Amino acid sequence: MFIQKIVFPFLAYTLIKRYFQKKKEKTHSLSSNYTASLHASSSIILWLLNKPYLFRYNSMGYFAYDIIDIVINKKLYSLDFFYIYHHFASIYYMTLNHIEYNWFNAIGMGEIGNIPNYFVYHYLKTNPESYNLKTWKSIQRIVYGVIRIPIATYLTLNEISQPGHLKVVAPVTPLYFFGLAWAYVIINK
């Protein structure tokens, strides 16, 4: 039953990416960016509507799709291994009870922080000299920095301070530190 619930989002994201590649005649990387932004946007909507089960299956389906896409279509550089780890850790985290563990808010806020990244990437690939790129880089610094530093710190400390939680969420905690490191890179560009 669980697998059946992530099959639809998995197939949907596969078809969406193919649409972007064929209809828009975009590169693999731009099609991946558009597909990822669609996932983030749909996840944020589900988070705002307080639909943790739909959020879970939407994100698990996307992460499964993206893992396979990375393995099949990329040369697997170190950053790709990070994404694979991120996706597996996030899938694991979302298997936990959303009432007992705070993955719903942690991942929902993370997706909000990711939105400017998609615009920055789009302009880097399509119009690197544009004013829009400079604007979105400024927005990215603020939004990603605010969400990944104070908000993610609060959510992470709150999660691991609960009795018995640290052991259960230990595989996920490196994502917090990766987010801090990336925030540092973005802010200091």
C-alpha atoms as a PDB file:
ATOM      1  CA  MET A   1       0.000   0.000   0.000  1.00  0.00           C
ATOM      2  CA  PHE A   2       2.803   2.420   0.943  1.00  0.00           C
ATOM      3  CA  ILE A   3       4.672   1.857  -2.344  1.00  0.00           C
ATOM      4  CA  GLN A   4       1.465   2.322  -4.343  1.00  0.00           C
ATOM      5  CA  LYS A   5       1.034   5.776  -2.826  1.00  0.00           C
ATOM      6  CA  ILE A   6       4.414   7.015  -4.058  1.00  0.00           C
ATOM      7  CA  VAL A   7       4.098   5.441  -7.523  1.00  0.00           C
ATOM      8  CA  PHE A   8       1.731   8.138  -8.822  1.00  0.00           C
ATOM      9  CA  PRO A   9       3.965  11.084  -7.827  1.00  0.00           C
ATOM     10  CA  PHE A  10       7.011   9.170  -9.131  1.00  0.00           C
ATOM     11  CA  LEU A  11       5.376   8.660 -12.544  1.00  0.00           C
ATOM     12  CA  ALA A  12       3.991  12.213 -12.564  1.00  0.00           C
ATOM     13  CA  TYR A  13       7.434  13.762 -11.990  1.00  0.00           C
ATOM     14  CA  THR A  14       8.924  11.491 -14.655  1.00  0.00           C
ATOM     15  CA  LEU A  15       6.329  12.676 -17.179  1.00  0.00           C
ATOM     16  CA  ILE A  16       6.665  16.322 -16.119  1.00  0.00           C
ATOM     17  CA  LYS A  17      10.407  16.242 -16.704  1.00  0.00           C
ATOM     18  CA  ARG A  18       9.925  14.661 -20.127  1.00  0.00           C
ATOM     19  CA  TYR A  19       7.395  17.361 -20.963  1.00  0.00           C
ATOM     20  CA  PHE A  20       9.855  20.103 -20.046  1.00  0.00           C
ATOM     21  CA  GLN A  21      12.600  18.450 -22.063  1.00  0.00           C
ATOM     22  CA  LYS A  22      10.517  17.965 -25.216  1.00  0.00           C
ATOM     23  CA  LYS A  23       7.988  20.785 -25.219  1.00  0.00           C
ATOM     24  CA  LYS A  24      10.274  23.525 -23.996  1.00  0.00           C
ATOM     25  CA  GLU A  25      13.364  22.151 -25.731  1.00  0.00           C
ATOM     26  CA  LYS A  26      15.374  22.698 -22.569  1.00  0.00           C
ATOM     27  CA  THR A  27      18.509  20.976 -21.384  1.00  0.00           C
ATOM     28  CA  HIS A  28      18.452  18.137 -18.890  1.00  0.00           C
ATOM     29  CA  SER A  29      19.630  20.478 -16.131  1.00  0.00           C
ATOM     30  CA  LEU A  30      16.952  23.118 -16.800  1.00  0.00           C
ATOM     31  CA  SER A  31      14.255  20.446 -17.050  1.00  0.00           C
ATOM     32  CA  SER A  32      15.435  19.029 -13.719  1.00  0.00           C
ATOM     33  CA  ASN A  33      15.333  22.519 -12.208  1.00  0.00           C
ATOM     34  CA  TYR A  34      11.764  23.117 -13.408  1.00  0.00           C
ATOM     35  CA  THR A  35      10.669  19.706 -12.131  1.00  0.00           C
ATOM     36  CA  ALA A  36      12.306  20.326  -8.740  1.00  0.00           C
ATOM     37  CA  SER A  37      10.648  23.735  -8.493  1.00  0.00           C
ATOM     38  CA  LEU A  38       7.281  22.151  -9.233  1.00  0.00           C
ATOM     39  CA  HIS A  39       7.908  19.630  -6.443  1.00  0.00           C
ATOM     40  CA  ALA A  40       8.894  22.391  -3.998  1.00  0.00           C
ATOM     41  CA  SER A  41       5.849  24.479  -4.932  1.00  0.00           C
ATOM     42  CA  SER A  42       3.413  21.588  -4.595  1.00  0.00           C
ATOM     43  CA  SER A  43       5.011  20.596  -1.280  1.00  0.00           C
ATOM     44  CA  ILE A  44       4.655  24.123   0.067  1.00  0.00           C
ATOM     45  CA  ILE A  45       0.979  24.177  -0.919  1.00  0.00           C
ATOM     46  CA  LEU A  46       0.407  20.830   0.825  1.00  0.00           C
ATOM     47  CA  TRP A  47       2.307  22.116   3.871  1.00  0.00           C
ATOM     48  CA  LEU A  48       0.205  25.295   4.001  1.00  0.00           C
ATOM     49  CA  LEU A  49      -2.959  23.183   3.671  1.00  0.00           C
ATOM     50  CA  ASN A  50      -1.698  20.987   6.551  1.00  0.00           C
ATOM     51  CA  LYS A  51      -1.796  17.763   4.503  1.00  0.00           C
ATOM     52  CA  PRO A  52       1.134  15.728   5.888  1.00  0.00           C
ATOM     53  CA  TYR A  53       0.124  12.456   4.226  1.00  0.00           C
ATOM     54  CA  LEU A  54      -0.179  13.990   0.762  1.00  0.00           C
ATOM     55  CA  PHE A  55       3.036  15.943   1.412  1.00  0.00           C
ATOM     56  CA  ARG A  56       4.797  12.693   2.366  1.00  0.00           C
ATOM     57  CA  TYR A  57       3.780  10.786  -0.753  1.00  0.00           C
ATOM     58  CA  ASN A  58       4.383  13.735  -3.064  1.00  0.00           C
ATOM     59  CA  SER A  59       7.902  14.225  -1.703  1.00  0.00           C
ATOM     60  CA  MET A  60       8.760  10.539  -1.467  1.00  0.00           C
ATOM     61  CA  GLY A  61       7.653  10.060  -5.065  1.00  0.00           C
ATOM     62  CA  TYR A  62       9.730  13.029  -6.179  1.00  0.00           C
ATOM     63  CA  PHE A  63      12.807  11.923  -4.216  1.00  0.00           C
ATOM     64  CA  ALA A  64      12.551   8.389  -5.636  1.00  0.00           C
ATOM     65  CA  TYR A  65      12.210   9.829  -9.150  1.00  0.00           C
ATOM     66  CA  ASP A  66      15.185  12.160  -8.626  1.00  0.00           C
ATOM     67  CA  ILE A  67      17.428   9.416  -7.223  1.00  0.00           C
ATOM     68  CA  ILE A  68      16.810   7.307 -10.327  1.00  0.00           C
ATOM     69  CA  ASP A  69      17.227  10.324 -12.616  1.00  0.00           C
ATOM     70  CA  ILE A  70      20.572  11.196 -10.988  1.00  0.00           C
ATOM     71  CA  VAL A  71      21.890   7.645 -11.223  1.00  0.00           C
ATOM     72  CA  ILE A  72      20.792   7.171 -14.846  1.00  0.00           C
ATOM     73  CA  ASN A  73      21.463  10.611 -16.322  1.00  0.00           C
ATOM     74  CA  LYS A  74      24.452  12.021 -14.450  1.00  0.00           C
ATOM     75  CA  LYS A  75      28.152  11.293 -14.182  1.00  0.00           C
ATOM     76  CA  LEU A  76      27.810  11.156 -10.370  1.00  0.00           C
ATOM     77  CA  TYR A  77      30.011  13.873  -8.987  1.00  0.00           C
ATOM     78  CA  SER A  78      30.298  14.350  -5.220  1.00  0.00           C
ATOM     79  CA  LEU A  79      27.355  16.778  -5.144  1.00  0.00           C
ATOM     80  CA  ASP A  80      25.174  14.104  -6.754  1.00  0.00           C
ATOM     81  CA  PHE A  81      26.008  11.710  -3.896  1.00  0.00           C
ATOM     82  CA  PHE A  82      24.938  14.429  -1.472  1.00  0.00           C
ATOM     83  CA  TYR A  83      21.571  14.700  -3.238  1.00  0.00           C
ATOM     84  CA  ILE A  84      21.126  10.931  -3.134  1.00  0.00           C
ATOM     85  CA  TYR A  85      21.924  10.902   0.597  1.00  0.00           C
ATOM     86  CA  HIS A  86      19.595  13.876   1.141  1.00  0.00           C
ATOM     87  CA  HIS A  87      16.754  12.097  -0.629  1.00  0.00           C
ATOM     88  CA  PHE A  88      17.193   8.782   1.226  1.00  0.00           C
ATOM     89  CA  ALA A  89      17.508  10.567   4.589  1.00  0.00           C
ATOM     90  CA  SER A  90      14.402  12.643   3.845  1.00  0.00           C
ATOM     91  CA  ILE A  91      12.429   9.565   2.798  1.00  0.00           C
ATOM     92  CA  TYR A  92      13.474   7.862   6.035  1.00  0.00           C
ATOM     93  CA  TYR A  93      12.492  10.938   8.074  1.00  0.00           C
ATOM     94  CA  MET A  94       9.070  11.064   6.427  1.00  0.00           C
ATOM     95  CA  THR A  95       8.375   7.442   7.391  1.00  0.00           C
ATOM     96  CA  LEU A  96       8.272   8.577  11.025  1.00  0.00           C
ATOM     97  CA  ASN A  97       5.043   9.645  12.689  1.00  0.00           C
ATOM     98  CA  HIS A  98       4.478  13.291  11.747  1.00  0.00           C
ATOM     99  CA  ILE A  99       2.894  14.052  15.119  1.00  0.00           C
ATOM    100  CA  GLU A 100       5.770  12.652  17.173  1.00  0.00           C
ATOM    101  CA  TYR A 101       8.544  13.851  14.847  1.00  0.00           C
ATOM    102  CA  ASN A 102       8.595  17.297  13.271  1.00  0.00           C
ATOM    103  CA  TRP A 103       9.569  16.319   9.722  1.00  0.00           C
ATOM    104  CA  PHE A 104       6.477  17.967   8.237  1.00  0.00           C
ATOM    105  CA  ASN A 105       7.473  21.462   9.384  1.00  0.00           C
ATOM    106  CA  ALA A 106      11.210  20.898   8.919  1.00  0.00           C
ATOM    107  CA  ILE A 107      10.887  19.765   5.310  1.00  0.00           C
ATOM    108  CA  GLY A 108       8.076  22.239   4.553  1.00  0.00           C
ATOM    109  CA  MET A 109      10.223  25.154   5.717  1.00  0.00           C
ATOM    110  CA  GLY A 110      13.191  23.725   3.822  1.00  0.00           C
ATOM    111  CA  GLU A 111      11.171  23.757   0.603  1.00  0.00           C
ATOM    112  CA  ILE A 112      10.256  27.412   1.154  1.00  0.00           C
ATOM    113  CA  GLY A 113      13.953  28.177   1.545  1.00  0.00           C
ATOM    114  CA  ASN A 114      14.700  26.393  -1.735  1.00  0.00           C
ATOM    115  CA  ILE A 115      12.346  28.454  -3.932  1.00  0.00           C
ATOM    116  CA  PRO A 116      14.835  31.258  -4.737  1.00  0.00           C
ATOM    117  CA  ASN A 117      17.439  28.625  -5.704  1.00  0.00           C
ATOM    118  CA  TYR A 118      15.341  27.608  -8.712  1.00  0.00           C
ATOM    119  CA  PHE A 119      15.134  31.172 -10.015  1.00  0.00           C
ATOM    120  CA  VAL A 120      18.867  31.715  -9.505  1.00  0.00           C
ATOM    121  CA  TYR A 121      19.666  28.519 -11.394  1.00  0.00           C
ATOM    122  CA  HIS A 122      17.255  29.411 -14.199  1.00  0.00           C
ATOM    123  CA  TYR A 123      18.857  32.810 -14.755  1.00  0.00           C
ATOM    124  CA  LEU A 124      22.384  31.414 -14.423  1.00  0.00           C
ATOM    125  CA  LYS A 125      21.608  29.055 -17.309  1.00  0.00           C
ATOM    126  CA  THR A 126      19.452  31.321 -19.474  1.00  0.00           C
ATOM    127  CA  ASN A 127      20.556  34.916 -18.868  1.00  0.00           C
ATOM    128  CA  PRO A 128      23.607  35.131 -16.590  1.00  0.00           C
ATOM    129  CA  GLU A 129      24.095  38.867 -17.126  1.00  0.00           C
ATOM    130  CA  SER A 130      20.524  39.836 -16.271  1.00  0.00           C
ATOM    131  CA  TYR A 131      19.376  42.108 -13.498  1.00  0.00           C
ATOM    132  CA  ASN A 132      16.934  39.333 -12.534  1.00  0.00           C
ATOM    133  CA  LEU A 133      19.824  37.065 -11.587  1.00  0.00           C
ATOM    134  CA  LYS A 134      21.272  39.701  -9.265  1.00  0.00           C
ATOM    135  CA  THR A 135      17.850  40.278  -7.708  1.00  0.00           C
ATOM    136  CA  TRP A 136      17.196  36.573  -7.156  1.00  0.00           C
ATOM    137  CA  LYS A 137      20.669  36.055  -5.679  1.00  0.00           C
ATOM    138  CA  SER A 138      19.877  38.754  -3.103  1.00  0.00           C
ATOM    139  CA  ILE A 139      16.511  37.154  -2.343  1.00  0.00           C
ATOM    140  CA  GLN A 140      18.219  33.745  -2.137  1.00  0.00           C
ATOM    141  CA  ARG A 141      20.733  35.007   0.455  1.00  0.00           C
ATOM    142  CA  ILE A 142      17.980  36.365   2.672  1.00  0.00           C
ATOM    143  CA  VAL A 143      15.390  33.596   2.349  1.00  0.00           C
ATOM    144  CA  TYR A 144      17.774  30.640   2.410  1.00  0.00           C
ATOM    145  CA  GLY A 145      19.882  32.204   5.176  1.00  0.00           C
ATOM    146  CA  VAL A 146      16.913  32.991   7.422  1.00  0.00           C
ATOM    147  CA  ILE A 147      15.336  29.573   6.972  1.00  0.00           C
ATOM    148  CA  ARG A 148      18.513  27.491   7.217  1.00  0.00           C
ATOM    149  CA  ILE A 149      20.184  29.301  10.094  1.00  0.00           C
ATOM    150  CA  PRO A 150      17.689  30.437  12.777  1.00  0.00           C
ATOM    151  CA  ILE A 151      14.604  28.452  11.743  1.00  0.00           C
ATOM    152  CA  ALA A 152      16.355  25.156  10.931  1.00  0.00           C
ATOM    153  CA  THR A 153      18.464  25.518  14.085  1.00  0.00           C
ATOM    154  CA  TYR A 154      15.326  25.936  16.186  1.00  0.00           C
ATOM    155  CA  LEU A 155      13.553  22.998  14.525  1.00  0.00           C
ATOM    156  CA  THR A 156      16.614  20.738  14.768  1.00  0.00           C
ATOM    157  CA  LEU A 157      17.333  21.545  18.415  1.00  0.00           C
ATOM    158  CA  ASN A 158      13.667  21.095  19.255  1.00  0.00           C
ATOM    159  CA  GLU A 159      13.630  17.714  17.494  1.00  0.00           C
ATOM    160  CA  ILE A 160      16.787  16.261  19.027  1.00  0.00           C
ATOM    161  CA  SER A 161      15.993  17.554  22.530  1.00  0.00           C
ATOM    162  CA  GLN A 162      12.936  15.302  22.744  1.00  0.00           C
ATOM    163  CA  PRO A 163      13.630  12.118  24.743  1.00  0.00           C
ATOM    164  CA  GLY A 164      14.716   9.285  22.440  1.00  0.00           C
ATOM    165  CA  HIS A 165      14.617  11.399  19.266  1.00  0.00           C
ATOM    166  CA  LEU A 166      18.351  11.920  18.720  1.00  0.00           C
ATOM    167  CA  LYS A 167      18.972   8.234  18.103  1.00  0.00           C
ATOM    168  CA  VAL A 168      16.045   7.982  15.679  1.00  0.00           C
ATOM    169  CA  VAL A 169      16.827  11.146  13.698  1.00  0.00           C
ATOM    170  CA  ALA A 170      20.623  10.739  13.711  1.00  0.00           C
ATOM    171  CA  PRO A 171      20.674   9.762   9.995  1.00  0.00           C
ATOM    172  CA  VAL A 172      18.870  13.018   9.175  1.00  0.00           C
ATOM    173  CA  THR A 173      20.928  15.458  11.281  1.00  0.00           C
ATOM    174  CA  PRO A 174      23.761  15.760   8.711  1.00  0.00           C
ATOM    175  CA  LEU A 175      21.232  17.485   6.436  1.00  0.00           C
ATOM    176  CA  TYR A 176      21.015  20.298   8.968  1.00  0.00           C
ATOM    177  CA  PHE A 177      24.790  20.816   8.850  1.00  0.00           C
ATOM    178  CA  PHE A 178      24.823  20.592   5.039  1.00  0.00           C
ATOM    179  CA  GLY A 179      22.132  23.300   5.010  1.00  0.00           C
ATOM    180  CA  LEU A 180      24.231  25.515   7.277  1.00  0.00           C
ATOM    181  CA  ALA A 181      27.297  25.028   5.075  1.00  0.00           C
ATOM    182  CA  TRP A 182      25.331  25.860   1.925  1.00  0.00           C
ATOM    183  CA  ALA A 183      23.826  28.925   3.632  1.00  0.00           C
ATOM    184  CA  TYR A 184      27.369  30.073   4.423  1.00  0.00           C
ATOM    185  CA  VAL A 185      28.367  29.631   0.758  1.00  0.00           C
ATOM    186  CA  ILE A 186      25.305  31.499  -0.541  1.00  0.00           C
ATOM    187  CA  ILE A 187      25.611  34.376   1.925  1.00  0.00           C
ATOM    188  CA  ASN A 188      29.323  34.850   1.213  1.00  0.00           C
ATOM    189  CA  LYS A 189      29.091  34.787  -2.606  1.00  0.00           C
END
